[in-house]
C-alpha atoms as a PDB file:
ATOM      1  CA  MET A   1     169.824 120.995 -44.318  1.00  0.00           C
ATOM      2  CA  ARG A   2     169.264 124.015 -41.924  1.00  0.00           C
ATOM      3  CA  ALA A   3     170.783 124.472 -38.332  1.00  0.00           C
ATOM      4  CA  ALA A   4     168.598 124.718 -35.511  1.00  0.00           C
ATOM      5  CA  LEU A   5     168.926 127.802 -33.596  1.00  0.00           C
ATOM      6  CA  ASP A   6     167.658 126.331 -30.323  1.00  0.00           C
ATOM      7  CA  THR A   7     170.686 126.419 -28.611  1.00  0.00           C
ATOM      8  CA  PRO A   8     173.346 128.609 -27.970  1.00  0.00           C
ATOM      9  CA  ILE A   9     175.964 128.349 -30.239  1.00  0.00           C
ATOM     10  CA  ARG A  10     179.501 127.507 -29.462  1.00  0.00           C
ATOM     11  CA  THR A  11     181.706 129.639 -31.701  1.00  0.00           C
ATOM     12  CA  THR A  12     185.554 131.015 -31.788  1.00  0.00           C
ATOM     13  CA  ALA A  13     186.443 134.716 -31.664  1.00  0.00           C
ATOM     14  CA  ALA A  14     187.171 134.415 -35.038  1.00  0.00           C
ATOM     15  CA  VAL A  15     183.716 133.754 -36.459  1.00  0.00           C
ATOM     16  CA  ILE A  16     182.557 136.652 -34.552  1.00  0.00           C
ATOM     17  CA  ASP A  17     183.226 139.326 -36.558  1.00  0.00           C
ATOM     18  CA  GLU A  18     181.197 137.565 -39.507  1.00  0.00           C
ATOM     19  CA  ILE A  19     178.509 136.872 -37.408  1.00  0.00           C
ATOM     20  CA  LEU A  20     178.627 140.646 -36.191  1.00  0.00           C
ATOM     21  CA  ALA A  21     178.518 142.245 -39.824  1.00  0.00           C
ATOM     22  CA  THR A  22     174.906 140.097 -40.721  1.00  0.00           C
ATOM     23  CA  GLY A  23     173.599 142.809 -38.225  1.00  0.00           C
ATOM     24  CA  TYR A  24     171.600 140.033 -36.964  1.00  0.00           C
ATOM     25  CA  PRO A  25     170.854 140.403 -32.817  1.00  0.00           C
ATOM     26  CA  ALA A  26     173.090 138.724 -30.990  1.00  0.00           C
ATOM     27  CA  LEU A  27     173.919 137.636 -27.266  1.00  0.00           C
ATOM     28  CA  ILE A  28     177.765 137.136 -27.169  1.00  0.00           C
ATOM     29  CA  VAL A  29     178.508 135.168 -23.906  1.00  0.00           C
ATOM     30  CA  PHE A  30     182.380 135.318 -22.977  1.00  0.00           C
ATOM     31  CA  GLU A  31     183.779 132.692 -20.483  1.00  0.00           C
ATOM     32  CA  THR A  32     186.735 130.407 -19.693  1.00  0.00           C
ATOM     33  CA  PRO A  33     186.898 126.673 -18.357  1.00  0.00           C
ATOM     34  CA  GLY A  34     186.424 126.517 -14.459  1.00  0.00           C
ATOM     35  CA  CYS A  35     184.028 129.839 -14.058  1.00  0.00           C
ATOM     36  CA  GLU A  36     181.673 128.814 -12.020  1.00  0.00           C
ATOM     37  CA  PRO A  37     179.357 131.834 -12.699  1.00  0.00           C
ATOM     38  CA  CYS A  38     179.935 130.861 -16.644  1.00  0.00           C
ATOM     39  CA  GLN A  39     178.558 127.036 -15.763  1.00  0.00           C
ATOM     40  CA  LEU A  40     175.770 128.339 -13.969  1.00  0.00           C
ATOM     41  CA  LEU A  41     174.663 130.740 -16.785  1.00  0.00           C
ATOM     42  CA  ARG A  42     174.398 127.792 -19.248  1.00  0.00           C
ATOM     43  CA  PRO A  43     170.970 126.635 -18.181  1.00  0.00           C
ATOM     44  CA  VAL A  44     169.612 129.869 -18.157  1.00  0.00           C
ATOM     45  CA  LEU A  45     171.090 130.625 -21.944  1.00  0.00           C
ATOM     46  CA  ASP A  46     169.945 127.452 -23.186  1.00  0.00           C
ATOM     47  CA  THR A  47     166.595 128.280 -21.902  1.00  0.00           C
ATOM     48  CA  LEU A  48     167.139 131.898 -23.823  1.00  0.00           C
ATOM     49  CA  ALA A  49     167.796 130.290 -26.719  1.00  0.00           C
ATOM     50  CA  CYS A  50     164.915 128.462 -27.641  1.00  0.00           C
ATOM     51  CA  GLU A  51     162.370 131.148 -26.409  1.00  0.00           C
ATOM     52  CA  TYR A  52     164.065 133.402 -28.605  1.00  0.00           C
ATOM     53  CA  GLN A  53     164.605 131.169 -31.568  1.00  0.00           C
ATOM     54  CA  GLY A  54     164.862 133.461 -35.013  1.00  0.00           C
ATOM     55  CA  ARG A  55     164.941 136.459 -33.443  1.00  0.00           C
ATOM     56  CA  VAL A  56     168.443 136.688 -31.472  1.00  0.00           C
ATOM     57  CA  LEU A  57     171.923 134.293 -31.892  1.00  0.00           C
ATOM     58  CA  VAL A  58     172.507 133.230 -28.690  1.00  0.00           C
ATOM     59  CA  LEU A  59     176.440 132.687 -28.555  1.00  0.00           C
ATOM     60  CA  ARG A  60     179.042 131.224 -26.257  1.00  0.00           C
ATOM     61  CA  VAL A  61     183.078 131.624 -26.702  1.00  0.00           C
ATOM     62  CA  PRO A  62     184.092 129.294 -24.334  1.00  0.00           C
ATOM     63  CA  ASP A  63     187.978 130.477 -24.193  1.00  0.00           C
ATOM     64  CA  ALA A  64     187.817 134.280 -23.080  1.00  0.00           C
ATOM     65  CA  SER A  65     191.012 134.419 -21.459  1.00  0.00           C
ATOM     66  CA  GLU A  66     193.511 134.590 -24.778  1.00  0.00           C
ATOM     67  CA  GLY A  67     194.658 138.504 -24.234  1.00  0.00           C
ATOM     68  CA  TRP A  68     193.692 139.773 -27.942  1.00  0.00           C
ATOM     69  CA  LEU A  69     190.242 139.025 -27.194  1.00  0.00           C
ATOM     70  CA  ALA A  70     190.073 139.851 -23.616  1.00  0.00           C
ATOM     71  CA  ALA A  71     191.433 143.267 -25.505  1.00  0.00           C
ATOM     72  CA  ARG A  72     189.697 143.520 -27.824  1.00  0.00           C
ATOM     73  CA  TYR A  73     186.349 143.017 -26.439  1.00  0.00           C
ATOM     74  CA  HIS A  74     187.052 145.080 -23.127  1.00  0.00           C
ATOM     75  CA  LEU A  75     186.899 142.385 -21.150  1.00  0.00           C
ATOM     76  CA  SER A  76     187.886 142.146 -16.932  1.00  0.00           C
ATOM     77  CA  PHE A  77     185.343 139.243 -16.299  1.00  0.00           C
ATOM     78  CA  VAL A  78     183.905 136.202 -17.111  1.00  0.00           C
ATOM     79  CA  PRO A  79     181.050 136.035 -17.488  1.00  0.00           C
ATOM     80  CA  THR A  80     180.693 139.163 -19.800  1.00  0.00           C
ATOM     81  CA  LEU A  81     177.703 139.304 -21.754  1.00  0.00           C
ATOM     82  CA  LEU A  82     177.525 141.340 -25.056  1.00  0.00           C
ATOM     83  CA  PHE A  83     173.938 142.503 -26.407  1.00  0.00           C
ATOM     84  CA  CYS A  84     175.089 143.381 -30.350  1.00  0.00           C
ATOM     85  CA  ARG A  85     172.823 144.709 -33.233  1.00  0.00           C
ATOM     86  CA  ASP A  86     173.439 146.195 -36.715  1.00  0.00           C
ATOM     87  CA  ALA A  87     176.991 145.653 -36.085  1.00  0.00           C
ATOM     88  CA  GLY A  88     177.310 147.188 -32.788  1.00  0.00           C
ATOM     89  CA  GLU A  89     177.414 146.871 -28.806  1.00  0.00           C
ATOM     90  CA  HIS A  90     173.917 147.924 -27.294  1.00  0.00           C
ATOM     91  CA  ALA A  91     174.705 146.921 -23.976  1.00  0.00           C
ATOM     92  CA  ARG A  92     177.199 144.433 -21.997  1.00  0.00           C
ATOM     93  CA  ILE A  93     176.567 142.666 -18.642  1.00  0.00           C
ATOM     94  CA  LYS A  94     179.715 141.621 -16.446  1.00  0.00           C
ATOM     95  CA  GLY A  95     178.545 138.231 -14.394  1.00  0.00           C
ATOM     96  CA  ASN A  96     175.356 136.194 -13.865  1.00  0.00           C
ATOM     97  CA  PRO A  97     172.741 138.398 -13.838  1.00  0.00           C
ATOM     98  CA  GLY A  98     170.100 135.933 -13.518  1.00  0.00           C
ATOM     99  CA  ARG A  99     167.296 135.352 -15.954  1.00  0.00           C
ATOM    100  CA  ALA A 100     165.340 137.977 -15.341  1.00  0.00           C
ATOM    101  CA  ALA A 101     167.877 140.857 -15.831  1.00  0.00           C
ATOM    102  CA  LEU A 102     168.397 138.935 -19.500  1.00  0.00           C
ATOM    103  CA  ARG A 103     165.278 138.693 -21.028  1.00  0.00           C
ATOM    104  CA  ALA A 104     165.115 142.149 -20.137  1.00  0.00           C
ATOM    105  CA  HIS A 105     168.236 142.919 -21.809  1.00  0.00           C
ATOM    106  CA  LEU A 106     166.890 140.852 -24.907  1.00  0.00           C
ATOM    107  CA  GLU A 107     164.038 142.726 -24.979  1.00  0.00           C
ATOM    108  CA  TYR A 108     165.666 145.857 -24.842  1.00  0.00           C
ATOM    109  CA  LEU A 109     168.030 144.628 -28.037  1.00  0.00           C
ATOM    110  CA  LEU A 110     165.286 143.612 -29.969  1.00  0.00           C
ATOM    111  CA  SER A 111     162.819 147.051 -29.775  1.00  0.00           C
ATOM    112  CA  GLY A 112     164.998 150.082 -28.177  1.00  0.00           C
ATOM    113  CA  ASN A 113     162.153 150.439 -25.964  1.00  0.00           C
ATOM    114  CA  ASP A 114     162.159 150.561 -21.964  1.00  0.00           C
ATOM    115  CA  ARG A 115     166.230 150.296 -21.079  1.00  0.00           C
ATOM    116  CA  PRO A 116     166.488 148.156 -18.405  1.00  0.00           C
ATOM    117  CA  ASP A 117     168.163 148.822 -15.375  1.00  0.00           C
ATOM    118  CA  PRO A 118     171.850 148.067 -14.536  1.00  0.00           C
ATOM    119  CA  ALA A 119     172.600 144.240 -14.361  1.00  0.00           C
ATOM    120  CA  GLU A 120     175.592 142.471 -12.746  1.00  0.00           C
ATOM    121  CA  GLY A 121     175.816 139.242 -11.191  1.00  0.00           C
ATOM    122  CA  PRO A 122     178.445 136.975  -9.688  1.00  0.00           C
ATOM    123  CA  ARG A 123     181.980 136.752 -11.438  1.00  0.00           C
ATOM    124  CA  HIS A 124     185.510 136.098 -11.766  1.00  0.00           C
ATOM    125  CA  THR A 125     188.441 138.485 -12.588  1.00  0.00           C
ATOM    126  CA  LEU A 126     189.514 137.027 -16.163  1.00  0.00           C
ATOM    127  CA  GLU A 127     193.333 136.627 -15.861  1.00  0.00           C
ATOM    128  CA  ALA A 128     194.265 137.013 -19.607  1.00  0.00           C
ATOM    129  CA  ARG A 129     197.018 134.957 -21.285  1.00  0.00           C
ATOM    130  CA  PHE A 130     199.615 137.357 -23.386  1.00  0.00           C
ATOM    131  CA  GLY A 131     202.290 135.514 -25.820  1.00  0.00           C
ATOM    132  CA  ALA A 132     203.763 132.228 -25.823  1.00  0.00           C
ATOM    133  CA  PRO A 133     203.547 129.949 -22.856  1.00  0.00           C
ATOM    134  CA  ALA A 134     206.281 129.815 -20.076  1.00  0.00           C
ATOM    135  CA  PRO A 135     208.343 126.949 -18.590  1.00  0.00           C
ATOM    136  CA  HIS A 136     205.975 123.913 -18.422  1.00  0.00           C
ATOM    137  CA  GLY A 137     203.291 125.246 -20.892  1.00  0.00           C
ATOM    138  CA  ALA A 138     202.166 127.542 -18.014  1.00  0.00           C
ATOM    139  CA  TRP A 139     200.922 131.015 -19.074  1.00  0.00           C
ATOM    140  CA  GLN A 140     202.050 134.242 -17.375  1.00  0.00           C
ATOM    141  CA  PRO A 141     198.340 135.581 -16.481  1.00  0.00           C
ATOM    142  CA  CYS A 142     197.806 139.226 -16.285  1.00  0.00           C
ATOM    143  CA  ALA A 143     194.983 140.510 -14.672  1.00  0.00           C
ATOM    144  CA  LEU A 144     192.722 143.198 -16.441  1.00  0.00           C
ATOM    145  CA  LEU A 145     190.558 145.430 -14.245  1.00  0.00           C
ATOM    146  CA  GLY A 146     187.542 147.458 -15.104  1.00  0.00           C
ATOM    147  CA  ALA A 147     184.279 149.429 -13.446  1.00  0.00           C
ATOM    148  CA  GLY A 148     180.573 149.406 -14.262  1.00  0.00           C
ATOM    149  CA  SER A 149     178.292 146.516 -14.814  1.00  0.00           C
ATOM    150  CA  LEU A 150     176.213 148.138 -17.922  1.00  0.00           C
ATOM    151  CA  THR A 151     177.655 149.702 -20.872  1.00  0.00           C
ATOM    152  CA  ALA A 152     174.415 150.989 -23.399  1.00  0.00           C
ATOM    153  CA  HIS A 153     175.697 152.722 -26.623  1.00  0.00           C
END
């Protein structure tokens, strides 16, 4: 049985390395529960996953606030979108830049031509959780700060 890849794939960080190792073009979206810009981005991701089916995997990591994950991928805001190909990051967007900017970055990911203008959009500062839960189940937040909106490699 083949899986239909016409919708975003909800995945965990543990699977990302396996997916990236395939070299297949991928858009990885890091988000957190309750993030309004993340929620507004989901219908756009649904449309783009269908439009780019067979050419780009669209992956959603729904809880980017785990400290090790935030540190490993240098996440300071959600949503953060990584455009990856050949096991490497080719571009990064912090925030929800809208459909046109996402489409331009996906085309750049596929072709390597015509680097799009830097993009950014509404976002939340990520408060990453490190260590064990504090008393009463509350996590101790550690706000991560970053600068820049697009990093092309």
